[in-house]
Amino acid sequence: MASETVLELTDANFDAEVVNSDQPVLVDFWAEWCMPCRMLAPVIDELSQEYEGKVKVGKVDTDANRETSVKYGISAIPTIILFKGGEVHKKFVGVTPKAEFSAELDAVTA
């Protein structure tokens, strides 16, 4: 699993940790077998540490948590969704440069 600053999100805890969060939440939808997901994992870890206290960062294993994956229309992974106020604020599909995530995170935490 990821660093200690990255939450493990599941179908069971998703609403409590993401939808009902008072902080923005960056959610990485990934799978163990997905090579691009593995390439992106260090970036997600770095963001979780850099924005600790300002933004929650979590990962959803799409194979183990199909309900949440279907609810948010995950058809390609990695897909990273930034939630603000319990709503989808921005969706990133595929390997995305760290600077793009940082720009969005800076905007929602400003």
PDB file of N, CA and C in Angstrom:
ATOM      1  N   MET A   1       0.848  -1.188   0.000  1.00  0.00           N
ATOM      2  CA  MET A   1       0.000   0.000   0.000  1.00  0.00           C
ATOM      3  C   MET A   1       0.887   1.243   0.000  1.00  0.00           C
ATOM      4  N   ALA A   2       0.253   2.356  -0.088  1.00  0.00           N
ATOM      5  CA  ALA A   2       0.951   3.636  -0.203  1.00  0.00           C
ATOM      6  C   ALA A   2       1.482   4.098   1.154  1.00  0.00           C
ATOM      7  N   SER A   3       1.954   5.317   1.202  1.00  0.00           N
ATOM      8  CA  SER A   3       2.499   5.869   2.439  1.00  0.00           C
ATOM      9  C   SER A   3       1.402   6.046   3.484  1.00  0.00           C
ATOM     10  N   GLU A   4       1.813   6.331   4.708  1.00  0.00           N
ATOM     11  CA  GLU A   4       0.847   6.456   5.810  1.00  0.00           C
ATOM     12  C   GLU A   4      -0.065   7.673   5.673  1.00  0.00           C
ATOM     13  N   THR A   5       0.259   8.593   4.786  1.00  0.00           N
ATOM     14  CA  THR A   5      -0.600   9.766   4.584  1.00  0.00           C
ATOM     15  C   THR A   5      -1.663   9.529   3.512  1.00  0.00           C
ATOM     16  N   VAL A   6      -1.667   8.345   2.901  1.00  0.00           N
ATOM     17  CA  VAL A   6      -2.662   8.004   1.884  1.00  0.00           C
ATOM     18  C   VAL A   6      -3.688   7.053   2.498  1.00  0.00           C
ATOM     19  N   LEU A   7      -4.952   7.450   2.439  1.00  0.00           N
ATOM     20  CA  LEU A   7      -6.027   6.635   2.998  1.00  0.00           C
ATOM     21  C   LEU A   7      -6.376   5.480   2.058  1.00  0.00           C
ATOM     22  N   GLU A   8      -6.701   4.345   2.640  1.00  0.00           N
ATOM     23  CA  GLU A   8      -7.230   3.242   1.845  1.00  0.00           C
ATOM     24  C   GLU A   8      -8.743   3.404   1.845  1.00  0.00           C
ATOM     25  N   LEU A   9      -9.293   3.724   0.675  1.00  0.00           N
ATOM     26  CA  LEU A   9     -10.729   3.957   0.560  1.00  0.00           C
ATOM     27  C   LEU A   9     -11.403   2.707   0.017  1.00  0.00           C
ATOM     28  N   THR A  10     -12.583   2.417   0.569  1.00  0.00           N
ATOM     29  CA  THR A  10     -13.342   1.238   0.173  1.00  0.00           C
ATOM     30  C   THR A  10     -14.801   1.631  -0.061  1.00  0.00           C
ATOM     31  N   ASP A  11     -15.579   0.694  -0.594  1.00  0.00           N
ATOM     32  CA  ASP A  11     -17.013   0.945  -0.747  1.00  0.00           C
ATOM     33  C   ASP A  11     -17.624   1.309   0.607  1.00  0.00           C
ATOM     34  N   ALA A  12     -17.132   0.679   1.670  1.00  0.00           N
ATOM     35  CA  ALA A  12     -17.702   0.866   3.008  1.00  0.00           C
ATOM     36  C   ALA A  12     -17.389   2.235   3.618  1.00  0.00           C
ATOM     37  N   ASN A  13     -16.187   2.770   3.388  1.00  0.00           N
ATOM     38  CA  ASN A  13     -15.823   4.033   4.044  1.00  0.00           C
ATOM     39  C   ASN A  13     -15.799   5.241   3.110  1.00  0.00           C
ATOM     40  N   PHE A  14     -16.122   5.060   1.837  1.00  0.00           N
ATOM     41  CA  PHE A  14     -15.981   6.140   0.857  1.00  0.00           C
ATOM     42  C   PHE A  14     -16.809   7.372   1.215  1.00  0.00           C
ATOM     43  N   ASP A  15     -18.079   7.182   1.517  1.00  0.00           N
ATOM     44  CA  ASP A  15     -18.926   8.338   1.843  1.00  0.00           C
ATOM     45  C   ASP A  15     -18.412   9.083   3.067  1.00  0.00           C
ATOM     46  N   ALA A  16     -18.045   8.348   4.105  1.00  0.00           N
ATOM     47  CA  ALA A  16     -17.570   8.980   5.336  1.00  0.00           C
ATOM     48  C   ALA A  16     -16.274   9.750   5.105  1.00  0.00           C
ATOM     49  N   GLU A  17     -15.349   9.172   4.352  1.00  0.00           N
ATOM     50  CA  GLU A  17     -14.029   9.779   4.164  1.00  0.00           C
ATOM     51  C   GLU A  17     -13.990  10.831   3.053  1.00  0.00           C
ATOM     52  N   VAL A  18     -14.848  10.674   2.033  1.00  0.00           N
ATOM     53  CA  VAL A  18     -14.767  11.552   0.861  1.00  0.00           C
ATOM     54  C   VAL A  18     -15.978  12.469   0.746  1.00  0.00           C
ATOM     55  N   VAL A  19     -17.151  11.883   0.592  1.00  0.00           N
ATOM     56  CA  VAL A  19     -18.364  12.676   0.356  1.00  0.00           C
ATOM     57  C   VAL A  19     -18.667  13.602   1.531  1.00  0.00           C
ATOM     58  N   ASN A  20     -18.455  13.122   2.757  1.00  0.00           N
ATOM     59  CA  ASN A  20     -18.768  13.923   3.943  1.00  0.00           C
ATOM     60  C   ASN A  20     -17.560  14.674   4.505  1.00  0.00           C
ATOM     61  N   SER A  21     -16.472  14.701   3.764  1.00  0.00           N
ATOM     62  CA  SER A  21     -15.253  15.366   4.243  1.00  0.00           C
ATOM     63  C   SER A  21     -15.391  16.882   4.179  1.00  0.00           C
ATOM     64  N   ASP A  22     -14.856  17.556   5.184  1.00  0.00           N
ATOM     65  CA  ASP A  22     -14.853  19.014   5.157  1.00  0.00           C
ATOM     66  C   ASP A  22     -13.616  19.559   4.437  1.00  0.00           C
ATOM     67  N   GLN A  23     -12.717  18.669   4.023  1.00  0.00           N
ATOM     68  CA  GLN A  23     -11.531  19.040   3.250  1.00  0.00           C
ATOM     69  C   GLN A  23     -11.693  18.524   1.821  1.00  0.00           C
ATOM     70  N   PRO A  24     -11.017  19.152   0.862  1.00  0.00           N
ATOM     71  CA  PRO A  24     -10.970  18.542  -0.478  1.00  0.00           C
ATOM     72  C   PRO A  24     -10.313  17.162  -0.374  1.00  0.00           C
ATOM     73  N   VAL A  25     -10.700  16.247  -1.262  1.00  0.00           N
ATOM     74  CA  VAL A  25     -10.147  14.890  -1.246  1.00  0.00           C
ATOM     75  C   VAL A  25      -9.728  14.508  -2.663  1.00  0.00           C
ATOM     76  N   LEU A  26      -8.461  14.088  -2.797  1.00  0.00           N
ATOM     77  CA  LEU A  26      -7.938  13.597  -4.065  1.00  0.00           C
ATOM     78  C   LEU A  26      -7.986  12.075  -4.007  1.00  0.00           C
ATOM     79  N   VAL A  27      -8.740  11.462  -4.926  1.00  0.00           N
ATOM     80  CA  VAL A  27      -8.939  10.012  -4.901  1.00  0.00           C
ATOM     81  C   VAL A  27      -8.348   9.376  -6.157  1.00  0.00           C
ATOM     82  N   ASP A  28      -7.440   8.445  -5.939  1.00  0.00           N
ATOM     83  CA  ASP A  28      -6.788   7.693  -7.015  1.00  0.00           C
ATOM     84  C   ASP A  28      -7.499   6.358  -7.180  1.00  0.00           C
ATOM     85  N   PHE A  29      -8.182   6.169  -8.318  1.00  0.00           N
ATOM     86  CA  PHE A  29      -8.809   4.883  -8.641  1.00  0.00           C
ATOM     87  C   PHE A  29      -7.762   4.088  -9.415  1.00  0.00           C
ATOM     88  N   TRP A  30      -7.367   2.935  -8.875  1.00  0.00           N
ATOM     89  CA  TRP A  30      -6.245   2.170  -9.408  1.00  0.00           C
ATOM     90  C   TRP A  30      -6.514   0.671  -9.273  1.00  0.00           C
ATOM     91  N   ALA A  31      -5.591  -0.134  -9.795  1.00  0.00           N
ATOM     92  CA  ALA A  31      -5.625  -1.590  -9.619  1.00  0.00           C
ATOM     93  C   ALA A  31      -4.191  -2.100  -9.559  1.00  0.00           C
ATOM     94  N   GLU A  32      -4.017  -3.177  -8.854  1.00  0.00           N
ATOM     95  CA  GLU A  32      -2.693  -3.783  -8.640  1.00  0.00           C
ATOM     96  C   GLU A  32      -1.989  -4.116  -9.966  1.00  0.00           C
ATOM     97  N   TRP A  33      -2.741  -4.588 -10.948  1.00  0.00           N
ATOM     98  CA  TRP A  33      -2.173  -5.041 -12.218  1.00  0.00           C
ATOM     99  C   TRP A  33      -1.889  -3.910 -13.211  1.00  0.00           C
ATOM    100  N   CYS A  34      -2.272  -2.695 -12.878  1.00  0.00           N
ATOM    101  CA  CYS A  34      -2.195  -1.552 -13.797  1.00  0.00           C
ATOM    102  C   CYS A  34      -0.820  -0.870 -13.718  1.00  0.00           C
ATOM    103  N   MET A  35      -0.011  -1.019 -14.776  1.00  0.00           N
ATOM    104  CA  MET A  35       1.329  -0.434 -14.780  1.00  0.00           C
ATOM    105  C   MET A  35       1.306   1.104 -14.714  1.00  0.00           C
ATOM    106  N   PRO A  36       0.450   1.796 -15.480  1.00  0.00           N
ATOM    107  CA  PRO A  36       0.395   3.258 -15.341  1.00  0.00           C
ATOM    108  C   PRO A  36       0.012   3.686 -13.913  1.00  0.00           C
ATOM    109  N   CYS A  37      -0.831   2.896 -13.253  1.00  0.00           N
ATOM    110  CA  CYS A  37      -1.201   3.192 -11.863  1.00  0.00           C
ATOM    111  C   CYS A  37       0.037   3.124 -10.966  1.00  0.00           C
ATOM    112  N   ARG A  38       0.855   2.119 -11.197  1.00  0.00           N
ATOM    113  CA  ARG A  38       2.083   1.965 -10.401  1.00  0.00           C
ATOM    114  C   ARG A  38       3.047   3.122 -10.663  1.00  0.00           C
ATOM    115  N   MET A  39       3.085   3.589 -11.921  1.00  0.00           N
ATOM    116  CA  MET A  39       3.951   4.715 -12.266  1.00  0.00           C
ATOM    117  C   MET A  39       3.491   5.989 -11.549  1.00  0.00           C
ATOM    118  N   LEU A  40       2.199   6.128 -11.359  1.00  0.00           N
ATOM    119  CA  LEU A  40       1.634   7.327 -10.743  1.00  0.00           C
ATOM    120  C   LEU A  40       1.695   7.289  -9.213  1.00  0.00           C
ATOM    121  N   ALA A  41       1.814   6.110  -8.642  1.00  0.00           N
ATOM    122  CA  ALA A  41       1.771   5.949  -7.177  1.00  0.00           C
ATOM    123  C   ALA A  41       2.751   6.859  -6.425  1.00  0.00           C
ATOM    124  N   PRO A  42       4.011   6.999  -6.842  1.00  0.00           N
ATOM    125  CA  PRO A  42       4.921   7.888  -6.104  1.00  0.00           C
ATOM    126  C   PRO A  42       4.450   9.350  -6.114  1.00  0.00           C
ATOM    127  N   VAL A  43       3.824   9.781  -7.199  1.00  0.00           N
ATOM    128  CA  VAL A  43       3.304  11.149  -7.289  1.00  0.00           C
ATOM    129  C   VAL A  43       2.170  11.337  -6.286  1.00  0.00           C
ATOM    130  N   ILE A  44       1.285  10.348  -6.199  1.00  0.00           N
ATOM    131  CA  ILE A  44       0.171  10.411  -5.252  1.00  0.00           C
ATOM    132  C   ILE A  44       0.714  10.471  -3.825  1.00  0.00           C
ATOM    133  N   ASP A  45       1.722   9.666  -3.531  1.00  0.00           N
ATOM    134  CA  ASP A  45       2.358   9.684  -2.208  1.00  0.00           C
ATOM    135  C   ASP A  45       2.935  11.062  -1.890  1.00  0.00           C
ATOM    136  N   GLU A  46       3.658  11.639  -2.856  1.00  0.00           N
ATOM    137  CA  GLU A  46       4.256  12.961  -2.649  1.00  0.00           C
ATOM    138  C   GLU A  46       3.181  14.013  -2.385  1.00  0.00           C
ATOM    139  N   LEU A  47       2.116  13.984  -3.163  1.00  0.00           N
ATOM    140  CA  LEU A  47       1.031  14.956  -2.980  1.00  0.00           C
ATOM    141  C   LEU A  47       0.394  14.806  -1.602  1.00  0.00           C
ATOM    142  N   SER A  48       0.239  13.561  -1.150  1.00  0.00           N
ATOM    143  CA  SER A  48      -0.384  13.332   0.164  1.00  0.00           C
ATOM    144  C   SER A  48       0.451  13.950   1.276  1.00  0.00           C
ATOM    145  N   GLN A  49       1.769  13.916   1.109  1.00  0.00           N
ATOM    146  CA  GLN A  49       2.659  14.485   2.120  1.00  0.00           C
ATOM    147  C   GLN A  49       2.721  16.013   2.009  1.00  0.00           C
ATOM    148  N   GLU A  50       2.771  16.513   0.787  1.00  0.00           N
ATOM    149  CA  GLU A  50       2.872  17.961   0.580  1.00  0.00           C
ATOM    150  C   GLU A  50       1.604  18.707   1.001  1.00  0.00           C
ATOM    151  N   TYR A  51       0.464  18.062   0.853  1.00  0.00           N
ATOM    152  CA  TYR A  51      -0.806  18.726   1.169  1.00  0.00           C
ATOM    153  C   TYR A  51      -1.436  18.203   2.462  1.00  0.00           C
ATOM    154  N   GLU A  52      -0.651  17.495   3.258  1.00  0.00           N
ATOM    155  CA  GLU A  52      -1.152  16.951   4.517  1.00  0.00           C
ATOM    156  C   GLU A  52      -1.733  18.074   5.377  1.00  0.00           C
ATOM    157  N   GLY A  53      -2.930  17.848   5.892  1.00  0.00           N
ATOM    158  CA  GLY A  53      -3.604  18.852   6.705  1.00  0.00           C
ATOM    159  C   GLY A  53      -4.497  19.780   5.895  1.00  0.00           C
ATOM    160  N   LYS A  54      -4.289  19.811   4.564  1.00  0.00           N
ATOM    161  CA  LYS A  54      -5.096  20.674   3.699  1.00  0.00           C
ATOM    162  C   LYS A  54      -6.005  19.884   2.769  1.00  0.00           C
ATOM    163  N   VAL A  55      -5.495  18.739   2.306  1.00  0.00           N
ATOM    164  CA  VAL A  55      -6.226  17.891   1.367  1.00  0.00           C
ATOM    165  C   VAL A  55      -6.050  16.442   1.807  1.00  0.00           C
ATOM    166  N   LYS A  56      -7.151  15.695   1.837  1.00  0.00           N
ATOM    167  CA  LYS A  56      -7.053  14.250   2.073  1.00  0.00           C
ATOM    168  C   LYS A  56      -6.689  13.599   0.752  1.00  0.00           C
ATOM    169  N   VAL A  57      -5.876  12.561   0.812  1.00  0.00           N
ATOM    170  CA  VAL A  57      -5.514  11.809  -0.385  1.00  0.00           C
ATOM    171  C   VAL A  57      -5.794  10.337  -0.096  1.00  0.00           C
ATOM    172  N   GLY A  58      -6.498   9.692  -1.018  1.00  0.00           N
ATOM    173  CA  GLY A  58      -6.835   8.285  -0.822  1.00  0.00           C
ATOM    174  C   GLY A  58      -6.785   7.512  -2.122  1.00  0.00           C
ATOM    175  N   LYS A  59      -6.795   6.179  -1.977  1.00  0.00           N
ATOM    176  CA  LYS A  59      -6.752   5.281  -3.123  1.00  0.00           C
ATOM    177  C   LYS A  59      -7.896   4.286  -3.031  1.00  0.00           C
ATOM    178  N   VAL A  60      -8.532   4.037  -4.177  1.00  0.00           N
ATOM    179  CA  VAL A  60      -9.592   3.027  -4.278  1.00  0.00           C
ATOM    180  C   VAL A  60      -9.107   1.941  -5.224  1.00  0.00           C
ATOM    181  N   ASP A  61      -8.998   0.718  -4.718  1.00  0.00           N
ATOM    182  CA  ASP A  61      -8.670  -0.430  -5.559  1.00  0.00           C
ATOM    183  C   ASP A  61      -9.949  -0.781  -6.323  1.00  0.00           C
ATOM    184  N   THR A  62      -9.942  -0.521  -7.631  1.00  0.00           N
ATOM    185  CA  THR A  62     -11.162  -0.700  -8.423  1.00  0.00           C
ATOM    186  C   THR A  62     -11.621  -2.157  -8.502  1.00  0.00           C
ATOM    187  N   ASP A  63     -10.707  -3.097  -8.389  1.00  0.00           N
ATOM    188  CA  ASP A  63     -11.089  -4.514  -8.428  1.00  0.00           C
ATOM    189  C   ASP A  63     -11.844  -4.912  -7.166  1.00  0.00           C
ATOM    190  N   ALA A  64     -11.431  -4.385  -6.027  1.00  0.00           N
ATOM    191  CA  ALA A  64     -12.031  -4.757  -4.746  1.00  0.00           C
ATOM    192  C   ALA A  64     -13.239  -3.887  -4.376  1.00  0.00           C
ATOM    193  N   ASN A  65     -13.395  -2.743  -5.038  1.00  0.00           N
ATOM    194  CA  ASN A  65     -14.445  -1.794  -4.675  1.00  0.00           C
ATOM    195  C   ASN A  65     -15.227  -1.352  -5.907  1.00  0.00           C
ATOM    196  N   ARG A  66     -15.893  -2.312  -6.501  1.00  0.00           N
ATOM    197  CA  ARG A  66     -16.600  -2.075  -7.760  1.00  0.00           C
ATOM    198  C   ARG A  66     -17.762  -1.088  -7.619  1.00  0.00           C
ATOM    199  N   GLU A  67     -18.448  -1.112  -6.500  1.00  0.00           N
ATOM    200  CA  GLU A  67     -19.611  -0.235  -6.305  1.00  0.00           C
ATOM    201  C   GLU A  67     -19.222   1.237  -6.461  1.00  0.00           C
ATOM    202  N   THR A  68     -18.168   1.642  -5.788  1.00  0.00           N
ATOM    203  CA  THR A  68     -17.710   3.032  -5.856  1.00  0.00           C
ATOM    204  C   THR A  68     -17.182   3.344  -7.254  1.00  0.00           C
ATOM    205  N   SER A  69     -16.459   2.424  -7.844  1.00  0.00           N
ATOM    206  CA  SER A  69     -15.905   2.619  -9.183  1.00  0.00           C
ATOM    207  C   SER A  69     -17.014   2.821 -10.209  1.00  0.00           C
ATOM    208  N   VAL A  70     -18.062   2.029 -10.128  1.00  0.00           N
ATOM    209  CA  VAL A  70     -19.201   2.152 -11.046  1.00  0.00           C
ATOM    210  C   VAL A  70     -19.942   3.464 -10.797  1.00  0.00           C
ATOM    211  N   LYS A  71     -20.143   3.806  -9.529  1.00  0.00           N
ATOM    212  CA  LYS A  71     -20.866   5.036  -9.172  1.00  0.00           C
ATOM    213  C   LYS A  71     -20.225   6.271  -9.806  1.00  0.00           C
ATOM    214  N   TYR A  72     -18.895   6.291  -9.879  1.00  0.00           N
ATOM    215  CA  TYR A  72     -18.193   7.449 -10.425  1.00  0.00           C
ATOM    216  C   TYR A  72     -17.735   7.254 -11.871  1.00  0.00           C
ATOM    217  N   GLY A  73     -18.266   6.224 -12.524  1.00  0.00           N
ATOM    218  CA  GLY A  73     -18.032   6.016 -13.951  1.00  0.00           C
ATOM    219  C   GLY A  73     -16.590   5.773 -14.335  1.00  0.00           C
ATOM    220  N   ILE A  74     -15.886   5.019 -13.501  1.00  0.00           N
ATOM    221  CA  ILE A  74     -14.479   4.736 -13.787  1.00  0.00           C
ATOM    222  C   ILE A  74     -14.411   3.676 -14.887  1.00  0.00           C
ATOM    223  N   SER A  75     -13.976   4.091 -16.080  1.00  0.00           N
ATOM    224  CA  SER A  75     -13.882   3.154 -17.197  1.00  0.00           C
ATOM    225  C   SER A  75     -12.440   2.956 -17.645  1.00  0.00           C
ATOM    226  N   ALA A  76     -11.542   3.800 -17.151  1.00  0.00           N
ATOM    227  CA  ALA A  76     -10.117   3.673 -17.457  1.00  0.00           C
ATOM    228  C   ALA A  76      -9.351   4.016 -16.187  1.00  0.00           C
ATOM    229  N   ILE A  77      -8.244   3.315 -15.978  1.00  0.00           N
ATOM    230  CA  ILE A  77      -7.416   3.634 -14.819  1.00  0.00           C
ATOM    231  C   ILE A  77      -5.987   3.852 -15.282  1.00  0.00           C
ATOM    232  N   PRO A  78      -5.243   4.690 -14.611  1.00  0.00           N
ATOM    233  CA  PRO A  78      -5.672   5.400 -13.417  1.00  0.00           C
ATOM    234  C   PRO A  78      -6.618   6.567 -13.746  1.00  0.00           C
ATOM    235  N   THR A  79      -7.608   6.736 -12.881  1.00  0.00           N
ATOM    236  CA  THR A  79      -8.448   7.934 -12.899  1.00  0.00           C
ATOM    237  C   THR A  79      -8.311   8.551 -11.520  1.00  0.00           C
ATOM    238  N   ILE A  80      -8.040   9.833 -11.484  1.00  0.00           N
ATOM    239  CA  ILE A  80      -7.905  10.547 -10.217  1.00  0.00           C
ATOM    240  C   ILE A  80      -8.990  11.605 -10.196  1.00  0.00           C
ATOM    241  N   ILE A  81      -9.782  11.617  -9.134  1.00  0.00           N
ATOM    242  CA  ILE A  81     -10.866  12.587  -9.011  1.00  0.00           C
ATOM    243  C   ILE A  81     -10.608  13.460  -7.790  1.00  0.00           C
ATOM    244  N   LEU A  82     -10.728  14.761  -7.997  1.00  0.00           N
ATOM    245  CA  LEU A  82     -10.635  15.714  -6.898  1.00  0.00           C
ATOM    246  C   LEU A  82     -12.053  16.073  -6.488  1.00  0.00           C
ATOM    247  N   PHE A  83     -12.373  15.773  -5.233  1.00  0.00           N
ATOM    248  CA  PHE A  83     -13.692  16.079  -4.672  1.00  0.00           C
ATOM    249  C   PHE A  83     -13.580  17.324  -3.807  1.00  0.00           C
ATOM    250  N   LYS A  84     -14.578  18.185  -3.897  1.00  0.00           N
ATOM    251  CA  LYS A  84     -14.659  19.348  -3.019  1.00  0.00           C
ATOM    252  C   LYS A  84     -16.114  19.478  -2.596  1.00  0.00           C
ATOM    253  N   GLY A  85     -16.334  19.543  -1.287  1.00  0.00           N
ATOM    254  CA  GLY A  85     -17.695  19.613  -0.783  1.00  0.00           C
ATOM    255  C   GLY A  85     -18.519  18.389  -1.129  1.00  0.00           C
ATOM    256  N   GLY A  86     -17.850  17.256  -1.253  1.00  0.00           N
ATOM    257  CA  GLY A  86     -18.539  16.000  -1.543  1.00  0.00           C
ATOM    258  C   GLY A  86     -18.891  15.801  -3.006  1.00  0.00           C
ATOM    259  N   GLU A  87     -18.555  16.771  -3.850  1.00  0.00           N
ATOM    260  CA  GLU A  87     -18.870  16.700  -5.279  1.00  0.00           C
ATOM    261  C   GLU A  87     -17.593  16.561  -6.103  1.00  0.00           C
ATOM    262  N   VAL A  88     -17.732  15.984  -7.300  1.00  0.00           N
ATOM    263  CA  VAL A  88     -16.598  15.886  -8.210  1.00  0.00           C
ATOM    264  C   VAL A  88     -16.245  17.294  -8.673  1.00  0.00           C
ATOM    265  N   HIS A  89     -15.016  17.693  -8.407  1.00  0.00           N
ATOM    266  CA  HIS A  89     -14.539  19.030  -8.798  1.00  0.00           C
ATOM    267  C   HIS A  89     -13.757  18.944 -10.107  1.00  0.00           C
ATOM    268  N   LYS A  90     -12.905  17.909 -10.223  1.00  0.00           N
ATOM    269  CA  LYS A  90     -12.061  17.746 -11.417  1.00  0.00           C
ATOM    270  C   LYS A  90     -11.697  16.277 -11.546  1.00  0.00           C
ATOM    271  N   LYS A  91     -11.656  15.798 -12.790  1.00  0.00           N
ATOM    272  CA  LYS A  91     -11.302  14.400 -13.049  1.00  0.00           C
ATOM    273  C   LYS A  91     -10.088  14.362 -13.972  1.00  0.00           C
ATOM    274  N   PHE A  92      -9.107  13.549 -13.599  1.00  0.00           N
ATOM    275  CA  PHE A  92      -7.905  13.345 -14.405  1.00  0.00           C
ATOM    276  C   PHE A  92      -7.892  11.875 -14.828  1.00  0.00           C
ATOM    277  N   VAL A  93      -7.695  11.601 -16.114  1.00  0.00           N
ATOM    278  CA  VAL A  93      -7.642  10.221 -16.587  1.00  0.00           C
ATOM    279  C   VAL A  93      -6.276   9.972 -17.207  1.00  0.00           C
ATOM    280  N   GLY A  94      -5.644   8.879 -16.784  1.00  0.00           N
ATOM    281  CA  GLY A  94      -4.328   8.531 -17.301  1.00  0.00           C
ATOM    282  C   GLY A  94      -3.224   9.122 -16.433  1.00  0.00           C
ATOM    283  N   VAL A  95      -1.994   8.842 -16.828  1.00  0.00           N
ATOM    284  CA  VAL A  95      -0.848   9.364 -16.086  1.00  0.00           C
ATOM    285  C   VAL A  95      -0.796  10.871 -16.330  1.00  0.00           C
ATOM    286  N   THR A  96      -0.862  11.618 -15.246  1.00  0.00           N
ATOM    287  CA  THR A  96      -0.937  13.075 -15.304  1.00  0.00           C
ATOM    288  C   THR A  96       0.275  13.664 -14.594  1.00  0.00           C
ATOM    289  N   PRO A  97       0.865  14.727 -15.145  1.00  0.00           N
ATOM    290  CA  PRO A  97       2.014  15.344 -14.483  1.00  0.00           C
ATOM    291  C   PRO A  97       1.641  15.895 -13.101  1.00  0.00           C
ATOM    292  N   LYS A  98       2.572  15.788 -12.184  1.00  0.00           N
ATOM    293  CA  LYS A  98       2.359  16.261 -10.813  1.00  0.00           C
ATOM    294  C   LYS A  98       1.938  17.732 -10.793  1.00  0.00           C
ATOM    295  N   ALA A  99       2.502  18.539 -11.682  1.00  0.00           N
ATOM    296  CA  ALA A  99       2.199  19.972 -11.720  1.00  0.00           C
ATOM    297  C   ALA A  99       0.706  20.237 -11.955  1.00  0.00           C
ATOM    298  N   GLU A 100       0.055  19.380 -12.748  1.00  0.00           N
ATOM    299  CA  GLU A 100      -1.383  19.561 -12.997  1.00  0.00           C
ATOM    300  C   GLU A 100      -2.187  19.315 -11.719  1.00  0.00           C
ATOM    301  N   PHE A 101      -1.812  18.271 -10.978  1.00  0.00           N
ATOM    302  CA  PHE A 101      -2.491  18.024  -9.701  1.00  0.00           C
ATOM    303  C   PHE A 101      -2.245  19.174  -8.749  1.00  0.00           C
ATOM    304  N   SER A 102      -1.000  19.610  -8.640  1.00  0.00           N
ATOM    305  CA  SER A 102      -0.638  20.684  -7.716  1.00  0.00           C
ATOM    306  C   SER A 102      -1.408  21.966  -8.016  1.00  0.00           C
ATOM    307  N   ALA A 103      -1.548  22.295  -9.300  1.00  0.00           N
ATOM    308  CA  ALA A 103      -2.276  23.511  -9.676  1.00  0.00           C
ATOM    309  C   ALA A 103      -3.725  23.454  -9.199  1.00  0.00           C
ATOM    310  N   GLU A 104      -4.378  22.307  -9.397  1.00  0.00           N
ATOM    311  CA  GLU A 104      -5.764  22.155  -8.947  1.00  0.00           C
ATOM    312  C   GLU A 104      -5.868  22.164  -7.427  1.00  0.00           C
ATOM    313  N   LEU A 105      -4.945  21.474  -6.771  1.00  0.00           N
ATOM    314  CA  LEU A 105      -4.965  21.427  -5.306  1.00  0.00           C
ATOM    315  C   LEU A 105      -4.711  22.815  -4.722  1.00  0.00           C
ATOM    316  N   ASP A 106      -3.798  23.562  -5.318  1.00  0.00           N
ATOM    317  CA  ASP A 106      -3.542  24.928  -4.854  1.00  0.00           C
ATOM    318  C   ASP A 106      -4.798  25.779  -5.019  1.00  0.00           C
ATOM    319  N   ALA A 107      -5.508  25.592  -6.127  1.00  0.00           N
ATOM    320  CA  ALA A 107      -6.724  26.375  -6.393  1.00  0.00           C
ATOM    321  C   ALA A 107      -7.829  26.078  -5.362  1.00  0.00           C
ATOM    322  N   VAL A 108      -7.999  24.807  -4.999  1.00  0.00           N
ATOM    323  CA  VAL A 108      -9.086  24.477  -4.054  1.00  0.00           C
ATOM    324  C   VAL A 108      -8.716  24.715  -2.602  1.00  0.00           C
ATOM    325  N   THR A 109      -7.427  24.928  -2.327  1.00  0.00           N
ATOM    326  CA  THR A 109      -7.030  25.184  -0.942  1.00  0.00           C
ATOM    327  C   THR A 109      -6.687  26.654  -0.697  1.00  0.00           C
ATOM    328  N   ALA A 110      -6.738  27.453  -1.747  1.00  0.00           N
ATOM    329  CA  ALA A 110      -6.394  28.885  -1.616  1.00  0.00           C
ATOM    330  C   ALA A 110      -7.433  29.639  -0.794  1.00  0.00           C
TER     331      ALA A 110
END
